[in-house]
N, C-alpha and C. Protein backbone atom coordinates (compact mmCIF):
# COMPACT_ATOMS: atom_id res chain seq x y z
N MET A 1 86.55 66.31 -128.36
CA MET A 1 85.95 67.52 -127.86
C MET A 1 84.99 68.11 -128.90
N ARG A 2 85.36 68.06 -130.18
CA ARG A 2 84.50 68.61 -131.22
C ARG A 2 83.18 67.84 -131.32
N VAL A 3 83.26 66.53 -131.20
CA VAL A 3 82.06 65.69 -131.29
C VAL A 3 81.13 66.01 -130.12
N ARG A 4 81.69 66.18 -128.95
CA ARG A 4 80.89 66.49 -127.76
C ARG A 4 80.14 67.80 -127.96
N ARG A 5 80.84 68.83 -128.45
CA ARG A 5 80.18 70.12 -128.69
C ARG A 5 79.13 70.01 -129.79
N TRP A 6 79.44 69.26 -130.86
CA TRP A 6 78.47 69.09 -131.94
C TRP A 6 77.20 68.42 -131.42
N PHE A 7 77.35 67.36 -130.63
CA PHE A 7 76.20 66.64 -130.10
C PHE A 7 75.36 67.56 -129.22
N ASN A 8 76.01 68.32 -128.37
CA ASN A 8 75.30 69.24 -127.49
C ASN A 8 74.59 70.33 -128.29
N THR A 9 75.22 70.84 -129.31
CA THR A 9 74.62 71.88 -130.15
C THR A 9 73.41 71.36 -130.91
N HIS A 10 73.51 70.17 -131.47
CA HIS A 10 72.45 69.64 -132.33
C HIS A 10 71.35 68.90 -131.58
N HIS A 11 71.61 68.45 -130.38
CA HIS A 11 70.61 67.68 -129.64
C HIS A 11 70.20 68.33 -128.33
N GLY A 12 70.84 69.43 -127.96
CA GLY A 12 70.45 70.14 -126.75
C GLY A 12 70.79 69.43 -125.46
N MET A 13 71.68 68.44 -125.54
CA MET A 13 72.11 67.71 -124.34
C MET A 13 73.45 67.06 -124.62
N THR A 14 74.14 66.71 -123.55
CA THR A 14 75.42 66.01 -123.72
C THR A 14 75.14 64.57 -124.12
N PHE A 15 76.15 63.91 -124.66
CA PHE A 15 75.99 62.51 -125.03
C PHE A 15 75.69 61.67 -123.79
N GLN A 16 76.32 62.02 -122.67
CA GLN A 16 76.07 61.30 -121.42
C GLN A 16 74.59 61.44 -121.01
N ALA A 17 74.04 62.63 -121.13
CA ALA A 17 72.63 62.84 -120.80
C ALA A 17 71.73 62.05 -121.75
N TYR A 18 72.13 61.97 -123.02
CA TYR A 18 71.37 61.20 -124.00
C TYR A 18 71.36 59.71 -123.61
N GLN A 19 72.52 59.19 -123.24
CA GLN A 19 72.61 57.78 -122.81
C GLN A 19 71.75 57.55 -121.57
N ARG A 20 71.77 58.49 -120.63
CA ARG A 20 70.97 58.38 -119.42
C ARG A 20 69.49 58.34 -119.79
N ALA A 21 69.05 59.19 -120.71
CA ALA A 21 67.65 59.23 -121.12
C ALA A 21 67.23 57.92 -121.78
N ARG A 22 68.13 57.30 -122.53
CA ARG A 22 67.80 56.02 -123.18
C ARG A 22 67.58 54.91 -122.16
N ARG A 23 68.22 55.00 -121.02
CA ARG A 23 68.08 53.96 -119.99
C ARG A 23 66.81 54.14 -119.16
N LEU A 24 66.07 55.23 -119.38
CA LEU A 24 64.87 55.49 -118.59
C LEU A 24 63.71 54.59 -119.00
N GLY A 25 63.66 54.19 -120.24
CA GLY A 25 62.51 53.43 -120.73
C GLY A 25 62.48 52.00 -120.23
N ASP A 26 61.47 51.28 -120.63
CA ASP A 26 61.28 49.89 -120.24
C ASP A 26 60.88 49.11 -121.49
N THR A 27 60.97 47.81 -121.44
CA THR A 27 60.58 47.01 -122.58
C THR A 27 59.07 47.06 -122.76
N PRO A 28 58.56 46.89 -123.98
CA PRO A 28 57.11 46.94 -124.20
C PRO A 28 56.33 45.94 -123.36
N GLY A 29 56.84 44.73 -123.20
CA GLY A 29 56.15 43.73 -122.41
C GLY A 29 56.01 44.12 -120.95
N ARG A 30 57.04 44.70 -120.40
CA ARG A 30 57.01 45.12 -119.00
C ARG A 30 56.16 46.36 -118.79
N SER A 31 55.99 47.17 -119.82
CA SER A 31 55.30 48.44 -119.66
C SER A 31 53.81 48.38 -119.94
N ARG A 32 53.31 47.23 -120.34
CA ARG A 32 51.91 47.10 -120.76
C ARG A 32 50.91 47.58 -119.72
N ASP A 33 51.10 47.23 -118.46
CA ASP A 33 50.13 47.56 -117.42
C ASP A 33 50.57 48.73 -116.55
N ARG A 34 51.45 49.54 -117.04
CA ARG A 34 51.95 50.67 -116.25
C ARG A 34 51.51 51.99 -116.85
N SER A 35 51.41 53.01 -115.99
CA SER A 35 51.08 54.34 -116.49
C SER A 35 52.32 54.95 -117.15
N LEU A 36 52.10 55.97 -117.95
CA LEU A 36 53.18 56.61 -118.70
C LEU A 36 53.51 57.96 -118.09
N VAL A 37 54.79 58.21 -117.87
CA VAL A 37 55.29 59.52 -117.47
C VAL A 37 56.24 59.96 -118.58
N VAL A 38 55.88 61.04 -119.27
CA VAL A 38 56.75 61.55 -120.34
C VAL A 38 57.79 62.46 -119.73
N MET A 39 58.98 62.40 -120.28
CA MET A 39 60.13 63.13 -119.74
C MET A 39 60.73 64.03 -120.81
N THR A 40 61.17 65.21 -120.39
CA THR A 40 61.87 66.10 -121.31
C THR A 40 62.82 66.99 -120.53
N ARG A 41 63.71 67.64 -121.24
CA ARG A 41 64.64 68.60 -120.63
C ARG A 41 64.12 70.00 -120.87
N LEU A 42 64.17 70.81 -119.83
CA LEU A 42 63.78 72.21 -119.92
C LEU A 42 64.99 73.06 -119.57
N LEU A 43 65.22 74.10 -120.35
CA LEU A 43 66.35 74.99 -120.08
C LEU A 43 65.88 76.13 -119.18
N THR A 44 66.64 76.38 -118.11
CA THR A 44 66.34 77.49 -117.19
C THR A 44 67.62 78.28 -116.98
N PRO A 45 67.52 79.49 -116.46
CA PRO A 45 68.73 80.25 -116.15
C PRO A 45 69.62 79.57 -115.10
N LEU A 46 69.06 78.67 -114.33
CA LEU A 46 69.84 77.95 -113.32
C LEU A 46 70.50 76.70 -113.87
N GLY A 47 70.18 76.34 -115.10
CA GLY A 47 70.72 75.15 -115.73
C GLY A 47 69.60 74.27 -116.25
N PRO A 48 69.95 73.24 -117.04
CA PRO A 48 68.93 72.35 -117.59
C PRO A 48 68.26 71.53 -116.48
N MET A 49 66.96 71.29 -116.67
CA MET A 49 66.20 70.50 -115.71
C MET A 49 65.49 69.38 -116.46
N VAL A 50 65.19 68.31 -115.74
CA VAL A 50 64.42 67.20 -116.29
C VAL A 50 63.02 67.32 -115.70
N ALA A 51 62.03 67.31 -116.58
CA ALA A 51 60.63 67.37 -116.15
C ALA A 51 59.93 66.09 -116.58
N GLY A 52 59.08 65.59 -115.72
CA GLY A 52 58.28 64.41 -116.04
C GLY A 52 56.83 64.67 -115.67
N ALA A 53 55.92 64.25 -116.54
CA ALA A 53 54.49 64.46 -116.26
C ALA A 53 53.67 63.30 -116.80
N SER A 54 52.60 63.02 -116.09
CA SER A 54 51.61 62.05 -116.54
C SER A 54 50.39 62.83 -117.01
N ASP A 55 49.33 62.14 -117.33
CA ASP A 55 48.10 62.82 -117.73
C ASP A 55 47.52 63.66 -116.59
N GLU A 56 47.84 63.29 -115.34
CA GLU A 56 47.29 64.00 -114.19
C GLU A 56 48.03 65.29 -113.85
N GLY A 57 49.32 65.36 -114.15
CA GLY A 57 50.10 66.56 -113.82
C GLY A 57 51.58 66.28 -113.76
N VAL A 58 52.34 67.27 -113.34
CA VAL A 58 53.80 67.17 -113.24
C VAL A 58 54.16 66.27 -112.07
N ARG A 59 55.03 65.31 -112.33
CA ARG A 59 55.45 64.35 -111.30
C ARG A 59 56.90 64.53 -110.90
N LEU A 60 57.67 65.25 -111.72
CA LEU A 60 59.10 65.39 -111.44
C LEU A 60 59.62 66.67 -112.06
N LEU A 61 60.43 67.39 -111.31
CA LEU A 61 61.20 68.52 -111.83
C LEU A 61 62.50 68.53 -111.06
N GLU A 62 63.59 68.24 -111.75
CA GLU A 62 64.88 68.08 -111.09
C GLU A 62 65.98 68.58 -112.01
N PHE A 63 67.08 69.02 -111.42
CA PHE A 63 68.22 69.46 -112.22
C PHE A 63 68.81 68.27 -112.98
N ALA A 64 69.09 68.47 -114.25
CA ALA A 64 69.55 67.39 -115.13
C ALA A 64 70.92 66.85 -114.73
N GLU A 65 71.74 67.67 -114.14
CA GLU A 65 73.10 67.24 -113.79
C GLU A 65 73.21 66.75 -112.35
N ARG A 66 72.09 66.52 -111.69
CA ARG A 66 72.10 66.04 -110.31
C ARG A 66 72.77 64.67 -110.26
N ARG A 67 73.62 64.50 -109.29
CA ARG A 67 74.45 63.30 -109.20
C ARG A 67 73.63 62.02 -109.08
N MET A 68 72.59 62.01 -108.32
CA MET A 68 71.81 60.79 -108.06
C MET A 68 70.51 60.75 -108.88
N LEU A 69 70.47 61.44 -110.00
CA LEU A 69 69.24 61.52 -110.78
C LEU A 69 68.75 60.15 -111.24
N GLU A 70 69.63 59.32 -111.74
CA GLU A 70 69.21 57.99 -112.22
C GLU A 70 68.60 57.16 -111.10
N THR A 71 69.18 57.23 -109.91
CA THR A 71 68.65 56.49 -108.78
C THR A 71 67.27 57.03 -108.41
N GLN A 72 67.12 58.35 -108.39
CA GLN A 72 65.83 58.96 -108.07
C GLN A 72 64.77 58.54 -109.10
N LEU A 73 65.14 58.50 -110.37
CA LEU A 73 64.20 58.12 -111.42
C LEU A 73 63.78 56.66 -111.29
N ARG A 74 64.72 55.78 -110.98
CA ARG A 74 64.39 54.37 -110.78
C ARG A 74 63.43 54.19 -109.60
N ARG A 75 63.70 54.91 -108.50
CA ARG A 75 62.81 54.83 -107.33
C ARG A 75 61.42 55.33 -107.67
N LEU A 76 61.34 56.45 -108.37
CA LEU A 76 60.04 57.01 -108.75
C LEU A 76 59.30 56.06 -109.68
N GLN A 77 60.02 55.49 -110.62
CA GLN A 77 59.42 54.55 -111.57
C GLN A 77 58.85 53.33 -110.83
N ARG A 78 59.59 52.82 -109.88
CA ARG A 78 59.14 51.66 -109.11
C ARG A 78 57.95 52.05 -108.22
N HIS A 79 58.05 53.18 -107.55
CA HIS A 79 56.99 53.62 -106.63
C HIS A 79 55.68 53.90 -107.35
N LEU A 80 55.76 54.50 -108.53
CA LEU A 80 54.55 54.84 -109.28
C LEU A 80 54.09 53.71 -110.18
N SER A 81 54.91 52.67 -110.30
CA SER A 81 54.65 51.59 -111.24
C SER A 81 54.37 52.17 -112.62
N CYS A 82 55.31 52.99 -113.07
CA CYS A 82 55.12 53.69 -114.34
C CYS A 82 56.28 53.41 -115.28
N VAL A 83 56.08 53.79 -116.52
CA VAL A 83 57.11 53.74 -117.54
C VAL A 83 57.47 55.18 -117.87
N MET A 84 58.75 55.47 -117.97
CA MET A 84 59.20 56.80 -118.34
C MET A 84 59.72 56.76 -119.76
N ALA A 85 59.27 57.71 -120.56
CA ALA A 85 59.68 57.77 -121.95
C ALA A 85 59.85 59.22 -122.37
N PRO A 86 60.79 59.48 -123.27
CA PRO A 86 60.95 60.86 -123.76
C PRO A 86 59.66 61.34 -124.43
N GLY A 87 59.34 62.60 -124.22
CA GLY A 87 58.15 63.18 -124.83
C GLY A 87 57.72 64.42 -124.10
N SER A 88 56.52 64.88 -124.43
CA SER A 88 55.97 66.07 -123.80
C SER A 88 54.45 65.93 -123.76
N ASN A 89 53.83 66.72 -122.91
CA ASN A 89 52.37 66.80 -122.88
C ASN A 89 51.98 68.20 -122.45
N GLU A 90 50.68 68.45 -122.28
CA GLU A 90 50.23 69.81 -121.97
C GLU A 90 50.75 70.30 -120.63
N HIS A 91 50.98 69.41 -119.66
CA HIS A 91 51.49 69.84 -118.35
C HIS A 91 52.95 70.28 -118.44
N ILE A 92 53.74 69.57 -119.22
CA ILE A 92 55.14 69.97 -119.38
C ILE A 92 55.22 71.27 -120.16
N GLU A 93 54.41 71.43 -121.19
CA GLU A 93 54.42 72.68 -121.95
C GLU A 93 54.00 73.85 -121.07
N ARG A 94 53.00 73.64 -120.23
CA ARG A 94 52.55 74.70 -119.32
C ARG A 94 53.62 75.01 -118.29
N LEU A 95 54.29 73.98 -117.76
CA LEU A 95 55.38 74.17 -116.81
C LEU A 95 56.50 74.99 -117.45
N ASP A 96 56.85 74.66 -118.68
CA ASP A 96 57.91 75.39 -119.38
C ASP A 96 57.54 76.88 -119.50
N ARG A 97 56.30 77.17 -119.91
CA ARG A 97 55.86 78.57 -120.02
C ARG A 97 55.90 79.27 -118.66
N GLN A 98 55.48 78.57 -117.62
CA GLN A 98 55.47 79.19 -116.29
C GLN A 98 56.88 79.39 -115.74
N LEU A 99 57.80 78.47 -116.03
CA LEU A 99 59.19 78.67 -115.60
C LEU A 99 59.79 79.89 -116.29
N ILE A 100 59.53 80.04 -117.58
CA ILE A 100 60.03 81.21 -118.31
C ILE A 100 59.48 82.49 -117.69
N ALA A 101 58.17 82.52 -117.41
CA ALA A 101 57.55 83.70 -116.81
C ALA A 101 58.08 83.94 -115.40
N TYR A 102 58.33 82.88 -114.66
CA TYR A 102 58.86 83.03 -113.30
C TYR A 102 60.25 83.67 -113.34
N PHE A 103 61.11 83.17 -114.22
CA PHE A 103 62.47 83.69 -114.27
C PHE A 103 62.55 85.08 -114.89
N ASP A 104 61.56 85.48 -115.70
CA ASP A 104 61.60 86.86 -116.20
C ASP A 104 60.88 87.83 -115.26
N GLY A 105 60.35 87.31 -114.15
CA GLY A 105 59.77 88.15 -113.11
C GLY A 105 58.29 88.43 -113.26
N SER A 106 57.64 87.86 -114.26
CA SER A 106 56.22 88.15 -114.46
C SER A 106 55.28 87.13 -113.80
N LEU A 107 55.83 86.11 -113.15
CA LEU A 107 55.00 85.10 -112.47
C LEU A 107 55.53 84.90 -111.06
N ARG A 108 54.64 84.88 -110.10
CA ARG A 108 55.03 84.67 -108.71
C ARG A 108 54.53 83.33 -108.17
N GLU A 109 53.49 82.79 -108.77
CA GLU A 109 52.90 81.55 -108.27
C GLU A 109 52.59 80.61 -109.42
N PHE A 110 53.02 79.37 -109.30
CA PHE A 110 52.79 78.37 -110.34
C PHE A 110 51.38 77.78 -110.19
N SER A 111 50.76 77.50 -111.34
CA SER A 111 49.42 76.91 -111.30
C SER A 111 49.36 75.57 -112.04
N VAL A 112 50.48 75.10 -112.52
CA VAL A 112 50.49 73.82 -113.22
C VAL A 112 50.19 72.71 -112.20
N PRO A 113 49.33 71.75 -112.56
CA PRO A 113 49.01 70.67 -111.62
C PRO A 113 50.23 69.80 -111.32
N THR A 114 50.40 69.48 -110.06
CA THR A 114 51.48 68.58 -109.65
C THR A 114 50.86 67.37 -108.96
N VAL A 115 51.53 66.25 -109.10
CA VAL A 115 51.09 65.01 -108.47
C VAL A 115 52.27 64.47 -107.68
N THR A 116 52.06 64.31 -106.39
CA THR A 116 53.13 63.76 -105.55
C THR A 116 52.70 62.39 -105.06
N PRO A 117 53.61 61.44 -105.08
CA PRO A 117 53.26 60.10 -104.64
C PRO A 117 53.07 60.05 -103.13
N ALA A 118 52.14 59.24 -102.69
CA ALA A 118 51.95 59.03 -101.26
C ALA A 118 53.14 58.22 -100.74
N ARG A 119 53.62 58.59 -99.58
CA ARG A 119 54.75 57.87 -99.00
C ARG A 119 54.25 56.66 -98.22
N THR A 120 55.00 55.58 -98.31
CA THR A 120 54.67 54.39 -97.52
C THR A 120 55.69 54.24 -96.41
N SER A 121 55.45 53.32 -95.49
CA SER A 121 56.38 53.15 -94.36
C SER A 121 57.77 52.73 -94.87
N SER A 122 57.85 51.98 -95.97
CA SER A 122 59.17 51.59 -96.48
C SER A 122 59.91 52.78 -97.08
N ASP A 123 59.17 53.82 -97.55
CA ASP A 123 59.82 55.02 -98.06
C ASP A 123 60.45 55.84 -96.95
N ARG A 124 59.92 55.74 -95.76
CA ARG A 124 60.38 56.56 -94.65
C ARG A 124 61.60 55.98 -93.95
N SER A 125 62.06 54.81 -94.39
CA SER A 125 63.16 54.15 -93.71
C SER A 125 64.52 54.83 -93.93
N GLY A 126 64.61 55.65 -94.94
CA GLY A 126 65.89 56.30 -95.20
C GLY A 126 65.71 57.51 -96.08
N PRO A 127 66.77 58.28 -96.27
CA PRO A 127 66.68 59.49 -97.10
C PRO A 127 66.46 59.11 -98.56
N SER A 128 65.76 59.99 -99.28
CA SER A 128 65.56 59.72 -100.71
C SER A 128 66.41 60.61 -101.54
């Protein structure tokens, strides 16, 4: 129990979340021709969230403790043909500032760019 609390205090996430984040990446050979989506954890009053963004904008914002998060990330990675790696960029930093302003009541509308993948007929075959 002490180790778990120490890890959470010093790294801002549980060891389980750390292990999950390590499984998000891909090998260098496989990632050569793929776009990059940087991922980070953002703290909100509702709980920690995982944010992902490419150079074009925010591609993912989801609760970190969501039960099917790993499955959702694998599907997104396959659909976008991208590599996910820990990091940050200007879109994630802007999202973080806007979430803080939203929760303190000073922001009503987000202006951070978002990018949503186009759905294909195979995506519509079942719930995501």
